[in-house]
Amino acid sequence: MKAYITKQFGSPEVLTLTETDKPKPKANELLIKVMASTVNAADCNLRGQTYIPSGMGFLAKLILGFKKPKTAVQGSVFAGEVVETGNKTKEFKVGDKVYGTGSHLGGYGEYICRPETGAISIIPENLNFEEAASVPYGALTALYFLKDLANIQKNQKVLIKGAAGGVGTYAIQLAKYFGAEVTAVCSSKNVDFVKSLGAHKVIDYNKEDFSESEEKWDVIVDIVVKKTSFKKYKNSLNPNGYYLAIAGGITDMLQMLKTSFIGSKKVKFGGGESCEKRSNLDFISSLLQETKIIPVVDKVFPFEEMVEAHRYAESGSKKGNIAITIQ
């Protein structure tokens, strides 16, 4: 099969299209013909180690690899069709159109094996493969933050920093679905875009720093990984409020530990395997089927233009998600 192999960390050019062996499913696995994948912030970071939180360098390298990625075929998300099942699988059958994600990666190849108990679900009938591939990373991260960490409630005030990106676009829609009052923070060019997704109020960060206003929020979702700061934003939280960030360094982790015992305002971090819940993806699928939320795809790239797709993802120009047509 064809797959992009990554033999070293670096710029998008380290992604090399080559021939490799098709994986074989274990007893509890599905062999999936990958029709589409995506390029999200996690994919870029896994490829190039573009952001390592302060004080987390050794741990990150231990998990991801020291000189080269531990997993040669990367790609955190897949959408495709089941072509073979292991002899102990029960829930999916050959021909099922499925999508999902997993920390074992493999989405940048024509075939992938996944345990059927992982974060995998039937693709809603109203989505094509590229739209489906745009969903798992952003929607699962947003749902984990809002529901699992903050237990968002109706009429709460939620602020989303980084609202026009792959996670933020789903965070807006999910927060609105749960009945929250949504404030989106983005650049001038994306104001109308985030409003169209359901934001009740928009703050243009080029013109206003929300942390300097007197307004307070019950939940702040901070998706701008290189600029997370509970210290800066804690005064913008209501009592018992939550500051949720997608990444954090040692200082941030200590702050999270401290707020677990002291004070009413809480810091929580999430991402990776913690977001990969089958039940959450099934819930997301039901919302998509009912058009309670919609996929947001900025651009679709052919498989042969994976390098260009990664460049675009890192350009700061994308809105929502990038999809890759694999085959």
C-alpha atoms as a PDB file:
ATOM      1  CA  MET A   1       0.000   0.000   0.000  1.00  0.00           C
ATOM      2  CA  LYS A   2       0.981   3.662  -0.302  1.00  0.00           C
ATOM      3  CA  ALA A   3       1.649   5.614   2.871  1.00  0.00           C
ATOM      4  CA  TYR A   4       3.513   8.656   4.068  1.00  0.00           C
ATOM      5  CA  ILE A   5       6.523   7.588   6.124  1.00  0.00           C
ATOM      6  CA  THR A   6       8.152   9.995   8.582  1.00  0.00           C
ATOM      7  CA  LYS A   7      11.734   9.004   9.421  1.00  0.00           C
ATOM      8  CA  GLN A   8      12.688  12.148  11.310  1.00  0.00           C
ATOM      9  CA  PHE A   9      11.115  15.157  12.986  1.00  0.00           C
ATOM     10  CA  GLY A  10      11.040  18.334  10.967  1.00  0.00           C
ATOM     11  CA  SER A  11       9.248  20.509   8.438  1.00  0.00           C
ATOM     12  CA  PRO A  12       6.472  19.114   6.202  1.00  0.00           C
ATOM     13  CA  GLU A  13       9.119  17.911   3.751  1.00  0.00           C
ATOM     14  CA  VAL A  14       9.985  14.993   6.066  1.00  0.00           C
ATOM     15  CA  LEU A  15       6.737  13.344   4.934  1.00  0.00           C
ATOM     16  CA  THR A  16       7.694  10.842   2.217  1.00  0.00           C
ATOM     17  CA  LEU A  17       5.186   8.935   0.079  1.00  0.00           C
ATOM     18  CA  THR A  18       6.330   5.333  -0.299  1.00  0.00           C
ATOM     19  CA  GLU A  19       5.197   1.720  -0.648  1.00  0.00           C
ATOM     20  CA  THR A  20       4.874  -0.279   2.561  1.00  0.00           C
ATOM     21  CA  ASP A  21       3.171  -3.443   3.792  1.00  0.00           C
ATOM     22  CA  LYS A  22      -0.573  -3.491   4.299  1.00  0.00           C
ATOM     23  CA  PRO A  23      -1.352  -4.107   7.995  1.00  0.00           C
ATOM     24  CA  LYS A  24      -3.083  -7.308   9.079  1.00  0.00           C
ATOM     25  CA  PRO A  25      -5.902  -7.125  11.642  1.00  0.00           C
ATOM     26  CA  LYS A  26      -5.561  -8.895  14.969  1.00  0.00           C
ATOM     27  CA  ALA A  27      -8.474 -10.851  16.422  1.00  0.00           C
ATOM     28  CA  ASN A  28     -10.079  -7.736  17.943  1.00  0.00           C
ATOM     29  CA  GLU A  29      -9.265  -5.358  15.094  1.00  0.00           C
ATOM     30  CA  LEU A  30     -10.828  -3.986  11.933  1.00  0.00           C
ATOM     31  CA  LEU A  31      -8.902  -3.484   8.700  1.00  0.00           C
ATOM     32  CA  ILE A  32     -10.109  -0.216   7.242  1.00  0.00           C
ATOM     33  CA  LYS A  33      -9.531   1.115   3.738  1.00  0.00           C
ATOM     34  CA  VAL A  34      -8.768   4.764   4.447  1.00  0.00           C
ATOM     35  CA  MET A  35     -10.637   7.133   2.137  1.00  0.00           C
ATOM     36  CA  ALA A  36      -9.826  10.410   3.890  1.00  0.00           C
ATOM     37  CA  SER A  37      -7.729  11.844   6.689  1.00  0.00           C
ATOM     38  CA  THR A  38      -6.904  15.310   7.973  1.00  0.00           C
ATOM     39  CA  VAL A  39      -4.128  17.640   9.074  1.00  0.00           C
ATOM     40  CA  ASN A  40      -4.746  19.118  12.508  1.00  0.00           C
ATOM     41  CA  ALA A  41      -2.567  20.811  15.107  1.00  0.00           C
ATOM     42  CA  ALA A  42      -1.728  17.479  16.721  1.00  0.00           C
ATOM     43  CA  ASP A  43      -0.593  16.032  13.387  1.00  0.00           C
ATOM     44  CA  CYS A  44       1.725  18.988  12.810  1.00  0.00           C
ATOM     45  CA  ASN A  45       3.132  18.699  16.314  1.00  0.00           C
ATOM     46  CA  LEU A  46       3.683  14.948  16.019  1.00  0.00           C
ATOM     47  CA  ARG A  47       5.540  15.476  12.746  1.00  0.00           C
ATOM     48  CA  GLY A  48       7.652  18.477  13.673  1.00  0.00           C
ATOM     49  CA  GLN A  49       7.463  18.822  17.456  1.00  0.00           C
ATOM     50  CA  THR A  50       6.305  22.364  16.695  1.00  0.00           C
ATOM     51  CA  TYR A  51       5.272  22.962  20.293  1.00  0.00           C
ATOM     52  CA  ILE A  52       6.620  21.298  23.420  1.00  0.00           C
ATOM     53  CA  PRO A  53       5.261  22.807  26.683  1.00  0.00           C
ATOM     54  CA  SER A  54       7.858  24.306  28.985  1.00  0.00           C
ATOM     55  CA  GLY A  55       9.561  21.667  31.119  1.00  0.00           C
ATOM     56  CA  MET A  56       7.947  18.780  29.227  1.00  0.00           C
ATOM     57  CA  GLY A  57      10.703  18.157  26.655  1.00  0.00           C
ATOM     58  CA  PHE A  58      12.002  14.836  27.985  1.00  0.00           C
ATOM     59  CA  LEU A  59       8.530  13.414  28.583  1.00  0.00           C
ATOM     60  CA  ALA A  60       7.399  14.482  25.106  1.00  0.00           C
ATOM     61  CA  LYS A  61      10.405  12.803  23.498  1.00  0.00           C
ATOM     62  CA  LEU A  62       9.856   9.691  25.610  1.00  0.00           C
ATOM     63  CA  ILE A  63       6.311   9.438  24.265  1.00  0.00           C
ATOM     64  CA  LEU A  64       6.851  10.628  20.683  1.00  0.00           C
ATOM     65  CA  GLY A  65      10.438   9.555  20.036  1.00  0.00           C
ATOM     66  CA  PHE A  66      13.865  11.082  20.594  1.00  0.00           C
ATOM     67  CA  LYS A  67      15.360  11.328  17.109  1.00  0.00           C
ATOM     68  CA  LYS A  68      12.460  10.181  14.972  1.00  0.00           C
ATOM     69  CA  PRO A  69       8.735   9.492  15.443  1.00  0.00           C
ATOM     70  CA  LYS A  70       7.973   6.176  17.131  1.00  0.00           C
ATOM     71  CA  THR A  71       5.184   5.648  14.607  1.00  0.00           C
ATOM     72  CA  ALA A  72       6.420   5.946  11.017  1.00  0.00           C
ATOM     73  CA  VAL A  73       2.959   6.225   9.413  1.00  0.00           C
ATOM     74  CA  GLN A  74       1.340   9.173  11.128  1.00  0.00           C
ATOM     75  CA  GLY A  75      -2.114  10.714  10.776  1.00  0.00           C
ATOM     76  CA  SER A  76      -4.317  10.824  13.861  1.00  0.00           C
ATOM     77  CA  VAL A  77      -7.688  10.593  12.090  1.00  0.00           C
ATOM     78  CA  PHE A  78      -9.220   8.272   9.502  1.00  0.00           C
ATOM     79  CA  ALA A  79     -12.461   7.889   7.579  1.00  0.00           C
ATOM     80  CA  GLY A  80     -13.032   4.861   5.407  1.00  0.00           C
ATOM     81  CA  GLU A  81     -14.620   1.449   4.889  1.00  0.00           C
ATOM     82  CA  VAL A  82     -14.189  -1.800   6.808  1.00  0.00           C
ATOM     83  CA  VAL A  83     -12.707  -4.415   4.435  1.00  0.00           C
ATOM     84  CA  GLU A  84     -11.808  -7.169   6.922  1.00  0.00           C
ATOM     85  CA  THR A  85     -12.659  -8.034  10.523  1.00  0.00           C
ATOM     86  CA  GLY A  86     -10.774 -10.008  13.158  1.00  0.00           C
ATOM     87  CA  ASN A  87     -12.375 -13.243  14.345  1.00  0.00           C
ATOM     88  CA  LYS A  88     -13.283 -11.766  17.741  1.00  0.00           C
ATOM     89  CA  THR A  89     -14.952  -8.572  16.512  1.00  0.00           C
ATOM     90  CA  LYS A  90     -18.707  -8.236  16.996  1.00  0.00           C
ATOM     91  CA  GLU A  91     -19.878  -4.668  16.441  1.00  0.00           C
ATOM     92  CA  PHE A  92     -18.760  -3.834  12.889  1.00  0.00           C
ATOM     93  CA  LYS A  93     -18.938  -5.713   9.597  1.00  0.00           C
ATOM     94  CA  VAL A  94     -17.282  -5.579   6.193  1.00  0.00           C
ATOM     95  CA  GLY A  95     -18.723  -2.677   4.216  1.00  0.00           C
ATOM     96  CA  ASP A  96     -19.380  -0.409   7.199  1.00  0.00           C
ATOM     97  CA  LYS A  97     -18.301   3.173   6.599  1.00  0.00           C
ATOM     98  CA  VAL A  98     -16.492   4.294   9.737  1.00  0.00           C
ATOM     99  CA  TYR A  99     -14.419   7.133  11.110  1.00  0.00           C
ATOM    100  CA  GLY A 100     -12.361   7.686  14.203  1.00  0.00           C
ATOM    101  CA  THR A 101      -9.077   8.594  15.812  1.00  0.00           C
ATOM    102  CA  GLY A 102      -6.378   7.045  17.946  1.00  0.00           C
ATOM    103  CA  SER A 103      -2.969   7.763  19.411  1.00  0.00           C
ATOM    104  CA  HIS A 104      -1.506   4.809  17.477  1.00  0.00           C
ATOM    105  CA  LEU A 105      -1.890   6.931  14.313  1.00  0.00           C
ATOM    106  CA  GLY A 106      -1.727   5.408  10.807  1.00  0.00           C
ATOM    107  CA  GLY A 107      -4.236   7.664   9.027  1.00  0.00           C
ATOM    108  CA  TYR A 108      -1.704   8.666   6.363  1.00  0.00           C
ATOM    109  CA  GLY A 109      -1.771   5.237   4.747  1.00  0.00           C
ATOM    110  CA  GLU A 110      -4.238   3.534   2.403  1.00  0.00           C
ATOM    111  CA  TYR A 111      -5.127   0.963   5.082  1.00  0.00           C
ATOM    112  CA  ILE A 112      -5.227   1.046   8.864  1.00  0.00           C
ATOM    113  CA  CYS A 113      -6.015  -1.455  11.633  1.00  0.00           C
ATOM    114  CA  ARG A 114      -8.016  -0.334  14.636  1.00  0.00           C
ATOM    115  CA  PRO A 115      -9.435  -2.179  17.669  1.00  0.00           C
ATOM    116  CA  GLU A 116     -13.205  -2.075  17.393  1.00  0.00           C
ATOM    117  CA  THR A 117     -13.447  -0.928  21.010  1.00  0.00           C
ATOM    118  CA  GLY A 118     -11.504   2.257  20.238  1.00  0.00           C
ATOM    119  CA  ALA A 119     -12.771   5.704  19.269  1.00  0.00           C
ATOM    120  CA  ILE A 120     -14.521   4.547  16.103  1.00  0.00           C
ATOM    121  CA  SER A 121     -18.095   5.055  14.915  1.00  0.00           C
ATOM    122  CA  ILE A 122     -20.336   4.698  11.867  1.00  0.00           C
ATOM    123  CA  ILE A 123     -20.131   7.761   9.614  1.00  0.00           C
ATOM    124  CA  PRO A 124     -23.436   9.682   9.596  1.00  0.00           C
ATOM    125  CA  GLU A 125     -25.258   9.204   6.291  1.00  0.00           C
ATOM    126  CA  ASN A 126     -25.243  12.928   5.515  1.00  0.00           C
ATOM    127  CA  LEU A 127     -21.423  13.213   5.559  1.00  0.00           C
ATOM    128  CA  ASN A 128     -18.889  12.309   2.885  1.00  0.00           C
ATOM    129  CA  PHE A 129     -15.499  10.862   3.820  1.00  0.00           C
ATOM    130  CA  GLU A 130     -13.690  14.210   3.795  1.00  0.00           C
ATOM    131  CA  GLU A 131     -16.312  15.809   6.026  1.00  0.00           C
ATOM    132  CA  ALA A 132     -16.181  12.830   8.366  1.00  0.00           C
ATOM    133  CA  ALA A 133     -12.393  13.045   8.634  1.00  0.00           C
ATOM    134  CA  SER A 134     -12.690  16.660   9.773  1.00  0.00           C
ATOM    135  CA  VAL A 135     -14.728  15.667  12.829  1.00  0.00           C
ATOM    136  CA  PRO A 136     -12.988  13.389  15.385  1.00  0.00           C
ATOM    137  CA  TYR A 137     -10.017  15.454  16.549  1.00  0.00           C
ATOM    138  CA  GLY A 138     -11.780  18.788  16.957  1.00  0.00           C
ATOM    139  CA  ALA A 139     -15.186  17.558  18.063  1.00  0.00           C
ATOM    140  CA  LEU A 140     -13.897  15.009  20.582  1.00  0.00           C
ATOM    141  CA  THR A 141     -11.463  17.495  22.110  1.00  0.00           C
ATOM    142  CA  ALA A 142     -14.164  20.162  22.387  1.00  0.00           C
ATOM    143  CA  LEU A 143     -16.703  17.744  23.879  1.00  0.00           C
ATOM    144  CA  TYR A 144     -14.181  16.403  26.387  1.00  0.00           C
ATOM    145  CA  PHE A 145     -13.374  19.934  27.535  1.00  0.00           C
ATOM    146  CA  LEU A 146     -16.919  21.220  27.767  1.00  0.00           C
ATOM    147  CA  LYS A 147     -18.752  18.187  29.125  1.00  0.00           C
ATOM    148  CA  ASP A 148     -16.229  15.853  30.743  1.00  0.00           C
ATOM    149  CA  LEU A 149     -14.027  18.507  32.367  1.00  0.00           C
ATOM    150  CA  ALA A 150     -16.326  21.498  32.910  1.00  0.00           C
ATOM    151  CA  ASN A 151     -19.744  19.775  32.966  1.00  0.00           C
ATOM    152  CA  ILE A 152     -21.157  22.716  31.037  1.00  0.00           C
ATOM    153  CA  GLN A 153     -24.684  23.800  31.995  1.00  0.00           C
ATOM    154  CA  LYS A 154     -27.443  25.727  30.287  1.00  0.00           C
ATOM    155  CA  ASN A 155     -27.108  29.531  30.459  1.00  0.00           C
ATOM    156  CA  GLN A 156     -23.475  29.425  31.537  1.00  0.00           C
ATOM    157  CA  LYS A 157     -21.135  31.891  29.881  1.00  0.00           C
ATOM    158  CA  VAL A 158     -18.387  30.261  27.819  1.00  0.00           C
ATOM    159  CA  LEU A 159     -15.460  32.002  26.142  1.00  0.00           C
ATOM    160  CA  ILE A 160     -13.540  30.196  23.397  1.00  0.00           C
ATOM    161  CA  LYS A 161     -10.067  31.498  22.574  1.00  0.00           C
ATOM    162  CA  GLY A 162      -8.913  30.247  19.180  1.00  0.00           C
ATOM    163  CA  ALA A 163     -12.499  29.934  18.016  1.00  0.00           C
ATOM    164  CA  ALA A 164     -11.885  29.703  14.257  1.00  0.00           C
ATOM    165  CA  GLY A 165      -9.633  26.633  14.375  1.00  0.00           C
ATOM    166  CA  GLY A 166     -10.248  22.908  14.204  1.00  0.00           C
ATOM    167  CA  VAL A 167     -11.234  22.565  17.866  1.00  0.00           C
ATOM    168  CA  GLY A 168     -12.768  26.004  18.289  1.00  0.00           C
ATOM    169  CA  THR A 169     -15.308  25.588  15.487  1.00  0.00           C
ATOM    170  CA  TYR A 170     -16.741  22.536  17.238  1.00  0.00           C
ATOM    171  CA  ALA A 171     -16.478  24.121  20.688  1.00  0.00           C
ATOM    172  CA  ILE A 172     -18.711  26.983  19.516  1.00  0.00           C
ATOM    173  CA  GLN A 173     -21.346  24.618  18.149  1.00  0.00           C
ATOM    174  CA  LEU A 174     -21.302  22.256  21.117  1.00  0.00           C
ATOM    175  CA  ALA A 175     -21.428  25.040  23.698  1.00  0.00           C
ATOM    176  CA  LYS A 176     -24.423  26.506  21.885  1.00  0.00           C
ATOM    177  CA  TYR A 177     -26.057  23.059  21.708  1.00  0.00           C
ATOM    178  CA  PHE A 178     -25.716  22.717  25.491  1.00  0.00           C
ATOM    179  CA  GLY A 179     -27.455  26.058  25.936  1.00  0.00           C
ATOM    180  CA  ALA A 180     -24.479  28.211  26.874  1.00  0.00           C
ATOM    181  CA  GLU A 181     -23.924  31.846  25.983  1.00  0.00           C
ATOM    182  CA  VAL A 182     -20.895  31.726  23.683  1.00  0.00           C
ATOM    183  CA  THR A 183     -18.202  34.366  23.282  1.00  0.00           C
ATOM    184  CA  ALA A 184     -15.691  33.642  20.513  1.00  0.00           C
ATOM    185  CA  VAL A 185     -12.222  35.189  20.339  1.00  0.00           C
ATOM    186  CA  CYS A 186     -10.653  35.351  16.875  1.00  0.00           C
ATOM    187  CA  SER A 187      -9.014  37.656  14.316  1.00  0.00           C
ATOM    188  CA  SER A 188     -10.851  40.335  12.338  1.00  0.00           C
ATOM    189  CA  LYS A 189     -11.138  38.206   9.191  1.00  0.00           C
ATOM    190  CA  ASN A 190     -12.977  35.420  11.049  1.00  0.00           C
ATOM    191  CA  VAL A 191     -15.601  37.455  12.919  1.00  0.00           C
ATOM    192  CA  ASP A 192     -18.459  36.698  10.516  1.00  0.00           C
ATOM    193  CA  PHE A 193     -17.324  33.086  10.200  1.00  0.00           C
ATOM    194  CA  VAL A 194     -17.561  32.298  13.932  1.00  0.00           C
ATOM    195  CA  LYS A 195     -20.881  34.142  14.150  1.00  0.00           C
ATOM    196  CA  SER A 196     -22.226  31.832  11.454  1.00  0.00           C
ATOM    197  CA  LEU A 197     -21.368  28.861  13.687  1.00  0.00           C
ATOM    198  CA  GLY A 198     -23.443  30.200  16.567  1.00  0.00           C
ATOM    199  CA  ALA A 199     -21.268  32.556  18.608  1.00  0.00           C
ATOM    200  CA  HIS A 200     -23.448  35.071  20.436  1.00  0.00           C
ATOM    201  CA  LYS A 201     -20.609  37.543  20.855  1.00  0.00           C
ATOM    202  CA  VAL A 202     -17.253  37.907  19.117  1.00  0.00           C
ATOM    203  CA  ILE A 203     -14.096  39.584  20.409  1.00  0.00           C
ATOM    204  CA  ASP A 204     -11.495  40.582  17.819  1.00  0.00           C
ATOM    205  CA  TYR A 205      -8.184  40.007  19.589  1.00  0.00           C
ATOM    206  CA  ASN A 206      -6.524  42.592  17.334  1.00  0.00           C
ATOM    207  CA  LYS A 207      -8.725  45.265  18.882  1.00  0.00           C
ATOM    208  CA  GLU A 208      -9.523  44.046  22.384  1.00  0.00           C
ATOM    209  CA  ASP A 209      -7.965  41.956  25.165  1.00  0.00           C
ATOM    210  CA  PHE A 210     -10.840  40.216  26.932  1.00  0.00           C
ATOM    211  CA  SER A 211      -8.745  39.791  30.085  1.00  0.00           C
ATOM    212  CA  GLU A 212      -8.780  43.569  30.539  1.00  0.00           C
ATOM    213  CA  SER A 213     -12.574  43.855  30.477  1.00  0.00           C
ATOM    214  CA  GLU A 214     -14.822  43.564  33.515  1.00  0.00           C
ATOM    215  CA  GLU A 215     -16.871  40.759  31.988  1.00  0.00           C
ATOM    216  CA  LYS A 216     -16.632  37.303  33.597  1.00  0.00           C
ATOM    217  CA  TRP A 217     -17.170  33.819  32.221  1.00  0.00           C
ATOM    218  CA  ASP A 218     -17.982  30.449  33.778  1.00  0.00           C
ATOM    219  CA  VAL A 219     -15.722  28.555  31.370  1.00  0.00           C
ATOM    220  CA  ILE A 220     -12.725  29.715  29.343  1.00  0.00           C
ATOM    221  CA  VAL A 221     -11.560  27.271  26.667  1.00  0.00           C
ATOM    222  CA  ASP A 222      -8.036  28.209  25.565  1.00  0.00           C
ATOM    223  CA  ILE A 223      -7.017  26.463  22.358  1.00  0.00           C
ATOM    224  CA  VAL A 224      -4.063  28.719  21.472  1.00  0.00           C
ATOM    225  CA  VAL A 225      -1.434  26.295  22.756  1.00  0.00           C
ATOM    226  CA  LYS A 226       1.570  28.619  22.687  1.00  0.00           C
ATOM    227  CA  LYS A 227      -0.161  31.305  24.719  1.00  0.00           C
ATOM    228  CA  THR A 228      -1.988  29.521  27.535  1.00  0.00           C
ATOM    229  CA  SER A 229      -1.992  31.430  30.826  1.00  0.00           C
ATOM    230  CA  PHE A 230      -4.281  30.802  33.790  1.00  0.00           C
ATOM    231  CA  LYS A 231      -2.486  33.572  35.670  1.00  0.00           C
ATOM    232  CA  LYS A 232      -3.509  36.091  33.016  1.00  0.00           C
ATOM    233  CA  TYR A 233      -7.091  34.920  32.623  1.00  0.00           C
ATOM    234  CA  LYS A 234      -8.155  33.786  36.101  1.00  0.00           C
ATOM    235  CA  ASN A 235      -9.625  37.200  36.915  1.00  0.00           C
ATOM    236  CA  SER A 236     -11.925  36.774  33.915  1.00  0.00           C
ATOM    237  CA  LEU A 237     -13.532  33.723  35.542  1.00  0.00           C
ATOM    238  CA  ASN A 238     -16.594  33.690  37.747  1.00  0.00           C
ATOM    239  CA  PRO A 239     -16.299  31.921  41.123  1.00  0.00           C
ATOM    240  CA  ASN A 240     -16.227  28.136  40.514  1.00  0.00           C
ATOM    241  CA  GLY A 241     -15.191  28.821  36.928  1.00  0.00           C
ATOM    242  CA  TYR A 242     -12.989  26.586  34.769  1.00  0.00           C
ATOM    243  CA  TYR A 243      -9.945  27.480  32.694  1.00  0.00           C
ATOM    244  CA  LEU A 244      -9.453  24.684  30.164  1.00  0.00           C
ATOM    245  CA  ALA A 245      -6.362  24.491  27.973  1.00  0.00           C
ATOM    246  CA  ILE A 246      -5.232  22.071  25.309  1.00  0.00           C
ATOM    247  CA  ALA A 247      -1.624  22.022  26.504  1.00  0.00           C
ATOM    248  CA  GLY A 248       0.408  23.085  29.489  1.00  0.00           C
ATOM    249  CA  GLY A 249       3.939  23.204  30.827  1.00  0.00           C
ATOM    250  CA  ILE A 250       5.251  22.331  34.277  1.00  0.00           C
ATOM    251  CA  THR A 251       4.159  25.678  35.743  1.00  0.00           C
ATOM    252  CA  ASP A 252       0.653  25.198  34.363  1.00  0.00           C
ATOM    253  CA  MET A 253       0.471  21.644  35.697  1.00  0.00           C
ATOM    254  CA  LEU A 254       1.478  22.805  39.161  1.00  0.00           C
ATOM    255  CA  GLN A 255      -1.205  25.469  38.966  1.00  0.00           C
ATOM    256  CA  MET A 256      -3.743  22.801  38.020  1.00  0.00           C
ATOM    257  CA  LEU A 257      -2.696  20.709  41.015  1.00  0.00           C
ATOM    258  CA  LYS A 258      -2.898  23.715  43.307  1.00  0.00           C
ATOM    259  CA  THR A 259      -6.397  24.682  42.155  1.00  0.00           C
ATOM    260  CA  SER A 260      -7.565  21.134  42.817  1.00  0.00           C
ATOM    261  CA  PHE A 261      -7.175  21.856  46.533  1.00  0.00           C
ATOM    262  CA  ILE A 262      -7.210  25.643  46.917  1.00  0.00           C
ATOM    263  CA  GLY A 263      -9.655  28.226  45.588  1.00  0.00           C
ATOM    264  CA  SER A 264     -12.885  27.967  43.667  1.00  0.00           C
ATOM    265  CA  LYS A 265     -11.475  28.517  40.171  1.00  0.00           C
ATOM    266  CA  LYS A 266     -10.103  25.405  38.505  1.00  0.00           C
ATOM    267  CA  VAL A 267      -7.439  24.753  35.858  1.00  0.00           C
ATOM    268  CA  LYS A 268      -7.701  21.630  33.720  1.00  0.00           C
ATOM    269  CA  PHE A 269      -5.728  20.400  30.732  1.00  0.00           C
ATOM    270  CA  GLY A 270      -6.728  17.811  28.183  1.00  0.00           C
ATOM    271  CA  GLY A 271      -5.834  16.212  24.886  1.00  0.00           C
ATOM    272  CA  GLY A 272      -4.604  12.995  23.326  1.00  0.00           C
ATOM    273  CA  GLU A 273      -5.929   9.688  24.611  1.00  0.00           C
ATOM    274  CA  SER A 274      -8.102  11.318  27.281  1.00  0.00           C
ATOM    275  CA  CYS A 275     -10.359  12.639  24.505  1.00  0.00           C
ATOM    276  CA  GLU A 276     -10.614   9.353  22.604  1.00  0.00           C
ATOM    277  CA  LYS A 277     -13.900   7.994  23.924  1.00  0.00           C
ATOM    278  CA  ARG A 278     -16.128   5.768  21.815  1.00  0.00           C
ATOM    279  CA  SER A 279     -19.246   6.965  23.634  1.00  0.00           C
ATOM    280  CA  ASN A 280     -18.365  10.591  22.913  1.00  0.00           C
ATOM    281  CA  LEU A 281     -17.838   9.921  19.206  1.00  0.00           C
ATOM    282  CA  ASP A 282     -21.184   8.102  19.029  1.00  0.00           C
ATOM    283  CA  PHE A 283     -22.791  11.159  20.635  1.00  0.00           C
ATOM    284  CA  ILE A 284     -21.076  13.453  18.122  1.00  0.00           C
ATOM    285  CA  SER A 285     -22.313  11.200  15.306  1.00  0.00           C
ATOM    286  CA  SER A 286     -25.899  11.573  16.493  1.00  0.00           C
ATOM    287  CA  LEU A 287     -25.581  15.367  16.549  1.00  0.00           C
ATOM    288  CA  LEU A 288     -24.149  15.367  13.030  1.00  0.00           C
ATOM    289  CA  GLN A 289     -26.918  13.079  11.771  1.00  0.00           C
ATOM    290  CA  GLU A 290     -29.502  15.485  13.181  1.00  0.00           C
ATOM    291  CA  THR A 291     -27.526  18.518  11.869  1.00  0.00           C
ATOM    292  CA  LYS A 292     -27.301  19.901  15.407  1.00  0.00           C
ATOM    293  CA  ILE A 293     -23.658  20.514  14.538  1.00  0.00           C
ATOM    294  CA  ILE A 294     -21.957  20.582  11.131  1.00  0.00           C
ATOM    295  CA  PRO A 295     -18.451  19.721   9.895  1.00  0.00           C
ATOM    296  CA  VAL A 296     -16.276  22.671   8.926  1.00  0.00           C
ATOM    297  CA  VAL A 297     -13.850  21.920   6.084  1.00  0.00           C
ATOM    298  CA  ASP A 298     -11.679  24.761   4.828  1.00  0.00           C
ATOM    299  CA  LYS A 299      -9.757  22.936   2.096  1.00  0.00           C
ATOM    300  CA  VAL A 300      -9.468  19.430   0.666  1.00  0.00           C
ATOM    301  CA  PHE A 301      -6.070  18.262  -0.596  1.00  0.00           C
ATOM    302  CA  PRO A 302      -5.316  15.153  -2.683  1.00  0.00           C
ATOM    303  CA  PHE A 303      -3.129  12.470  -1.093  1.00  0.00           C
ATOM    304  CA  GLU A 304      -0.173  13.474  -3.265  1.00  0.00           C
ATOM    305  CA  GLU A 305      -0.204  16.989  -1.780  1.00  0.00           C
ATOM    306  CA  MET A 306       0.221  15.998   1.877  1.00  0.00           C
ATOM    307  CA  VAL A 307       3.287  18.235   2.246  1.00  0.00           C
ATOM    308  CA  GLU A 308       1.364  21.236   0.905  1.00  0.00           C
ATOM    309  CA  ALA A 309      -1.524  20.427   3.257  1.00  0.00           C
ATOM    310  CA  HIS A 310       0.814  20.500   6.260  1.00  0.00           C
ATOM    311  CA  ARG A 311       2.278  23.797   5.069  1.00  0.00           C
ATOM    312  CA  TYR A 312      -1.200  25.278   4.810  1.00  0.00           C
ATOM    313  CA  ALA A 313      -2.146  23.966   8.252  1.00  0.00           C
ATOM    314  CA  GLU A 314       0.836  25.807   9.736  1.00  0.00           C
ATOM    315  CA  SER A 315       0.299  29.011   7.750  1.00  0.00           C
ATOM    316  CA  GLY A 316      -2.252  30.448  10.165  1.00  0.00           C
ATOM    317  CA  SER A 317      -4.720  30.881   7.311  1.00  0.00           C
ATOM    318  CA  LYS A 318      -7.043  27.930   7.785  1.00  0.00           C
ATOM    319  CA  LYS A 319     -10.567  28.124   9.156  1.00  0.00           C
ATOM    320  CA  GLY A 320     -11.867  24.949  10.715  1.00  0.00           C
ATOM    321  CA  ASN A 321     -10.262  21.839   9.289  1.00  0.00           C
ATOM    322  CA  ILE A 322      -8.201  20.490   6.406  1.00  0.00           C
ATOM    323  CA  ALA A 323      -9.163  17.188   4.797  1.00  0.00           C
ATOM    324  CA  ILE A 324      -6.997  14.817   2.754  1.00  0.00           C
ATOM    325  CA  THR A 325      -8.517  12.571   0.085  1.00  0.00           C
ATOM    326  CA  ILE A 326      -6.525   9.342   0.420  1.00  0.00           C
ATOM    327  CA  GLN A 327      -8.178   7.304  -2.345  1.00  0.00           C
END
